[in-house]
Amino acid sequence: MQTLSQEEFQELTKDAKVLRVHPRRGDVVYLTPEQKILKLYHRKSHSYCRHLTHTHTQRVLRNYKKLQKRNIDCMQPSEVYRYIDRSFDVVIYNFKPGTTVRDLLKQGDVSVLDELAVYIAMLHNHNIYFQDGHMGNYLVTTAQQFYLLDIHFMKFRIDLRRRAKNLVFLLTHHDDVEDMLRFGLQRFIDHYLAAAKLSSWKRYIVLAYLRRYLRQRLQTFTGEIEQNLEKQITGLGLTINSLDEANNFSKR
């Protein structure tokens, strides 16, 4: 990996726009005047931490290669540097024109959730667990294709529990929840299950996990959002009442 001095870093980020700063990790995302995405990934410094051998940058490169093998469009790393004056790696990505699902929802286009449900089912059927899959990390390109942003947190192994957990992660922000409720939680899940083509007992288990994780997420909201989400969770098409019953059903 090439090293980058402070002077070289300042030249790279000259006149660049800060798009995002991660509140905990300190990661920073820039958009350069040349329309490149530049991201700083914080490197762990603890000797006992596994990130010394598997840094954020290495994970991004590894995940990119795996996604390419599966023909999944995502952010493409073009240059990688070690910033020697700070505990960061610098990754430069090619910019992809488009609009995130979150921004489309803000514009009133809730129909994009129909397509998102089908797309997430496709990822799951390819054994892809996009752990950071919130509404802001799914981009719809100018060619009307989905494109994954921020591909650091991924696993290439998925089970029924992770399928449900991934869907519930979409409801991270208040605005996202309001848009999903307006679209219809049942409608979204129906589209997902139809595209996932799961057997009957697997559908039951996914729904049981969904209700469990949704009720956990419900505790983070208050007021009208909480009431509306509670109503839609209760109305989910699940004829069994517990995960244990779902598991028992799977053994029949």
Protein backbone atom coordinates (compact mmCIF):
# COMPACT_ATOMS: atom_id res chain seq x y z
CA MET A 1 0.00 0.00 0.00
CA GLN A 2 1.37 3.42 -0.95
CA THR A 3 1.91 5.96 1.81
CA LEU A 4 0.49 9.46 1.74
CA SER A 5 2.14 12.45 3.44
CA GLN A 6 0.17 15.24 5.08
CA GLU A 7 1.06 17.58 2.20
CA GLU A 8 -0.14 15.04 -0.37
CA PHE A 9 -3.35 14.48 1.58
CA GLN A 10 -4.03 18.21 1.75
CA GLU A 11 -3.52 18.41 -2.00
CA LEU A 12 -5.98 15.54 -2.56
CA THR A 13 -8.64 17.17 -0.38
CA LYS A 14 -8.08 20.73 -1.59
CA ASP A 15 -11.48 22.31 -2.38
CA ALA A 16 -13.16 18.96 -1.58
CA LYS A 17 -16.62 18.90 0.00
CA VAL A 18 -17.12 16.97 3.24
CA LEU A 19 -20.11 14.67 2.68
CA ARG A 20 -20.16 12.82 6.00
CA VAL A 21 -18.28 12.38 9.27
CA HIS A 22 -18.87 9.20 11.24
CA PRO A 23 -19.68 10.25 14.85
CA ARG A 24 -17.94 7.27 16.49
CA ARG A 25 -15.20 5.95 14.21
CA GLY A 26 -14.06 9.33 12.90
CA ASP A 27 -14.30 8.20 9.28
CA VAL A 28 -14.68 11.11 6.86
CA VAL A 29 -16.09 11.09 3.31
CA TYR A 30 -15.12 13.77 0.78
CA LEU A 31 -16.26 14.61 -2.75
CA THR A 32 -13.35 16.05 -4.72
CA PRO A 33 -13.66 18.66 -7.52
CA GLU A 34 -12.70 15.84 -9.92
CA GLN A 35 -15.87 13.98 -8.85
CA LYS A 36 -14.03 11.32 -6.87
CA ILE A 37 -15.20 9.96 -3.52
CA LEU A 38 -12.38 10.01 -0.97
CA LYS A 39 -12.91 8.16 2.28
CA LEU A 40 -10.76 7.99 5.40
CA TYR A 41 -11.01 4.70 7.28
CA HIS A 42 -9.82 4.74 10.86
CA ARG A 43 -7.23 2.10 11.74
CA LYS A 44 -7.47 0.37 15.11
CA SER A 45 -4.36 0.76 17.22
CA HIS A 46 -4.89 -1.93 19.89
CA SER A 47 -2.43 -4.79 19.56
CA TYR A 48 -5.09 -7.35 20.48
CA CYS A 49 -7.51 -6.14 17.81
CA ARG A 50 -8.09 -8.28 14.76
CA HIS A 51 -8.36 -5.12 12.64
CA LEU A 52 -4.56 -5.00 12.60
CA THR A 53 -4.59 -7.92 10.20
CA HIS A 54 -8.01 -7.15 8.67
CA THR A 55 -8.23 -3.37 8.41
CA HIS A 56 -11.30 -1.53 7.18
CA THR A 57 -9.54 -0.95 3.86
CA GLN A 58 -8.69 -4.62 3.41
CA ARG A 59 -12.30 -5.51 4.10
CA VAL A 60 -13.51 -3.05 1.48
CA LEU A 61 -11.15 -4.48 -1.14
CA ARG A 62 -12.09 -8.05 -0.23
CA ASN A 63 -15.83 -7.30 -0.32
CA TYR A 64 -15.52 -5.47 -3.64
CA LYS A 65 -13.88 -8.51 -5.26
CA LYS A 66 -16.58 -10.84 -3.90
CA LEU A 67 -19.37 -8.57 -5.10
CA GLN A 68 -17.81 -8.32 -8.56
CA LYS A 69 -17.77 -12.12 -8.80
CA ARG A 70 -21.51 -12.05 -8.12
CA ASN A 71 -22.09 -9.24 -10.66
CA ILE A 72 -23.33 -6.82 -7.98
CA ASP A 73 -22.76 -3.14 -8.78
CA CYS A 74 -21.08 -1.25 -5.94
CA MET A 75 -18.54 1.44 -5.10
CA GLN A 76 -15.29 0.71 -6.95
CA PRO A 77 -12.03 1.45 -5.10
CA SER A 78 -9.57 2.99 -7.58
CA GLU A 79 -6.69 4.05 -5.30
CA VAL A 80 -5.61 3.05 -1.77
CA TYR A 81 -3.14 4.87 0.50
CA ARG A 82 -1.80 4.66 4.03
CA TYR A 83 -1.91 8.14 5.60
CA ILE A 84 1.32 8.07 7.59
CA ASP A 85 0.67 11.13 9.78
CA ARG A 86 -2.59 9.81 11.22
CA SER A 87 -4.18 6.46 11.98
CA PHE A 88 -6.18 6.38 8.76
CA ASP A 89 -6.22 4.60 5.43
CA VAL A 90 -7.39 6.61 2.43
CA VAL A 91 -9.50 4.98 -0.28
CA ILE A 92 -10.53 6.79 -3.45
CA TYR A 93 -13.66 5.61 -5.26
CA ASN A 94 -15.06 6.40 -8.66
CA PHE A 95 -18.14 8.62 -8.33
CA LYS A 96 -21.44 7.12 -9.49
CA PRO A 97 -24.25 9.54 -10.43
CA GLY A 98 -27.57 8.67 -8.90
CA THR A 99 -29.96 9.22 -5.99
CA THR A 100 -30.14 7.25 -2.76
CA VAL A 101 -33.37 5.50 -1.84
CA ARG A 102 -33.62 7.83 1.17
CA ASP A 103 -33.50 10.91 -1.06
CA LEU A 104 -36.03 9.42 -3.48
CA LEU A 105 -38.36 8.84 -0.54
CA LYS A 106 -37.91 12.46 0.54
CA GLN A 107 -38.99 13.43 -2.96
CA GLY A 108 -42.18 11.43 -2.45
CA ASP A 109 -41.26 8.41 -4.59
CA VAL A 110 -42.31 5.58 -2.25
CA SER A 111 -42.74 3.20 -5.22
CA VAL A 112 -38.97 2.66 -5.14
CA LEU A 113 -39.58 0.42 -2.11
CA ASP A 114 -41.30 -2.13 -4.37
CA GLU A 115 -38.07 -2.48 -6.34
CA LEU A 116 -35.87 -2.32 -3.23
CA ALA A 117 -37.69 -5.28 -1.66
CA VAL A 118 -37.05 -7.37 -4.77
CA TYR A 119 -33.40 -6.22 -4.92
CA ILE A 120 -32.70 -7.14 -1.28
CA ALA A 121 -34.26 -10.56 -1.86
CA MET A 122 -31.87 -11.00 -4.80
CA LEU A 123 -28.88 -10.10 -2.58
CA HIS A 124 -30.03 -12.59 0.04
CA ASN A 125 -30.51 -15.30 -2.57
CA HIS A 126 -26.87 -14.67 -3.58
CA ASN A 127 -25.85 -15.18 0.07
CA ILE A 128 -25.06 -11.48 0.55
CA TYR A 129 -25.73 -9.89 3.93
CA PHE A 130 -25.32 -6.09 3.54
CA GLN A 131 -24.98 -5.20 7.21
CA ASP A 132 -24.99 -1.44 6.64
CA GLY A 133 -28.01 -1.65 4.36
CA HIS A 134 -30.02 1.41 5.42
CA MET A 135 -31.95 3.59 2.96
CA GLY A 136 -28.96 5.91 2.46
CA ASN A 137 -26.65 3.12 1.29
CA TYR A 138 -28.76 1.94 -1.64
CA LEU A 139 -28.20 4.15 -4.68
CA VAL A 140 -30.45 4.21 -7.74
CA THR A 141 -28.24 5.15 -10.68
CA THR A 142 -29.19 7.28 -13.67
CA ALA A 143 -29.63 3.96 -15.52
CA GLN A 144 -32.27 3.01 -12.90
CA GLN A 145 -30.12 0.24 -11.43
CA PHE A 146 -29.38 -0.37 -7.75
CA TYR A 147 -25.83 0.25 -6.57
CA LEU A 148 -24.35 -0.45 -3.12
CA LEU A 149 -22.57 2.25 -1.16
CA ASP A 150 -20.28 1.80 1.88
CA ILE A 151 -19.46 -1.87 1.34
CA HIS A 152 -17.25 -2.28 4.41
CA PHE A 153 -19.75 -4.16 6.59
CA MET A 154 -20.74 -7.27 4.66
CA LYS A 155 -20.94 -10.99 5.13
CA PHE A 156 -21.28 -13.57 2.40
CA ARG A 157 -23.32 -16.02 4.37
CA ILE A 158 -26.95 -15.55 5.30
CA ASP A 159 -29.59 -17.45 7.22
CA LEU A 160 -33.25 -16.79 8.00
CA ARG A 161 -32.44 -14.71 11.09
CA ARG A 162 -30.10 -12.45 9.12
CA ARG A 163 -32.69 -12.04 6.37
CA ALA A 164 -35.14 -10.62 8.91
CA LYS A 165 -32.50 -8.53 10.68
CA ASN A 166 -31.40 -7.00 7.37
CA LEU A 167 -34.95 -5.94 6.54
CA VAL A 168 -35.52 -4.36 9.96
CA PHE A 169 -32.25 -2.41 9.62
CA LEU A 170 -33.98 -0.37 6.90
CA LEU A 171 -35.99 1.26 9.69
CA THR A 172 -33.01 3.10 11.17
CA HIS A 173 -34.11 6.73 10.92
CA HIS A 174 -37.45 8.31 11.80
CA ASP A 175 -37.99 9.56 8.26
CA ASP A 176 -37.31 6.09 6.87
CA VAL A 177 -39.90 4.59 9.22
CA GLU A 178 -42.51 7.18 8.24
CA ASP A 179 -41.90 6.48 4.55
CA MET A 180 -42.12 2.72 5.08
CA LEU A 181 -45.35 3.06 7.04
CA ARG A 182 -46.82 5.24 4.31
CA PHE A 183 -45.82 2.62 1.73
CA GLY A 184 -47.01 -0.26 3.90
CA LEU A 185 -44.82 -2.63 5.88
CA GLN A 186 -46.94 -5.64 4.87
CA ARG A 187 -46.68 -4.65 1.20
CA PHE A 188 -42.89 -4.41 1.42
CA ILE A 189 -42.53 -7.77 3.12
CA ASP A 190 -44.93 -9.40 0.64
CA HIS A 191 -42.77 -8.17 -2.26
CA TYR A 192 -39.64 -9.41 -0.54
CA LEU A 193 -41.04 -12.87 0.21
CA ALA A 194 -42.41 -13.27 -3.30
CA ALA A 195 -38.97 -12.50 -4.77
CA ALA A 196 -37.10 -14.61 -2.18
CA LYS A 197 -39.04 -17.73 -3.20
CA LEU A 198 -38.72 -19.34 0.22
CA SER A 199 -40.56 -22.49 1.21
CA SER A 200 -43.62 -22.12 3.43
CA TRP A 201 -41.89 -23.01 6.69
CA LYS A 202 -38.94 -20.68 5.94
CA ARG A 203 -41.38 -17.83 5.27
CA TYR A 204 -42.97 -18.48 8.68
CA ILE A 205 -39.61 -18.36 10.42
CA VAL A 206 -38.56 -15.15 8.64
CA LEU A 207 -41.87 -13.54 9.65
CA ALA A 208 -41.44 -14.68 13.24
CA TYR A 209 -37.96 -13.17 13.39
CA LEU A 210 -39.28 -10.01 11.74
CA ARG A 211 -41.90 -9.52 14.42
CA ARG A 212 -39.30 -10.10 17.14
CA TYR A 213 -36.82 -7.57 15.70
CA LEU A 214 -39.53 -5.07 14.80
CA ARG A 215 -40.82 -5.06 18.37
CA GLN A 216 -37.27 -4.45 19.59
CA ARG A 217 -36.95 -1.56 17.14
CA LEU A 218 -40.34 -0.25 18.26
CA GLN A 219 -38.83 0.62 21.64
CA THR A 220 -36.61 3.27 20.01
CA PHE A 221 -39.57 5.32 18.75
CA THR A 222 -42.28 7.38 20.46
CA GLY A 223 -45.53 9.14 19.66
CA GLU A 224 -47.39 8.68 16.41
CA ILE A 225 -44.57 6.71 14.74
CA GLU A 226 -44.61 4.19 17.59
CA GLN A 227 -48.39 3.81 17.39
CA ASN A 228 -48.46 3.39 13.60
CA LEU A 229 -45.54 0.96 13.61
CA GLU A 230 -47.17 -1.07 16.38
CA LYS A 231 -50.36 -1.26 14.34
CA GLN A 232 -48.56 -2.49 11.22
CA ILE A 233 -46.47 -5.00 13.15
CA THR A 234 -49.64 -6.43 14.69
CA GLY A 235 -51.19 -6.66 11.24
CA LEU A 236 -48.34 -8.65 9.68
CA GLY A 237 -49.55 -11.82 8.01
CA LEU A 238 -48.29 -14.32 10.53
CA THR A 239 -50.62 -17.02 11.78
CA ILE A 240 -48.25 -18.34 14.43
CA ASN A 241 -47.41 -16.45 17.59
CA SER A 242 -43.85 -17.36 18.45
CA LEU A 243 -40.51 -18.31 17.03
CA ASP A 244 -40.69 -21.63 18.86
CA GLU A 245 -43.89 -22.49 17.01
CA ALA A 246 -42.22 -21.51 13.74
CA ASN A 247 -39.31 -23.80 14.45
CA ASN A 248 -41.69 -26.62 15.35
CA PHE A 249 -43.54 -26.03 12.09
CA SER A 250 -40.25 -26.37 10.18
CA LYS A 251 -39.79 -29.90 11.52
CA ARG A 252 -43.10 -31.21 10.24
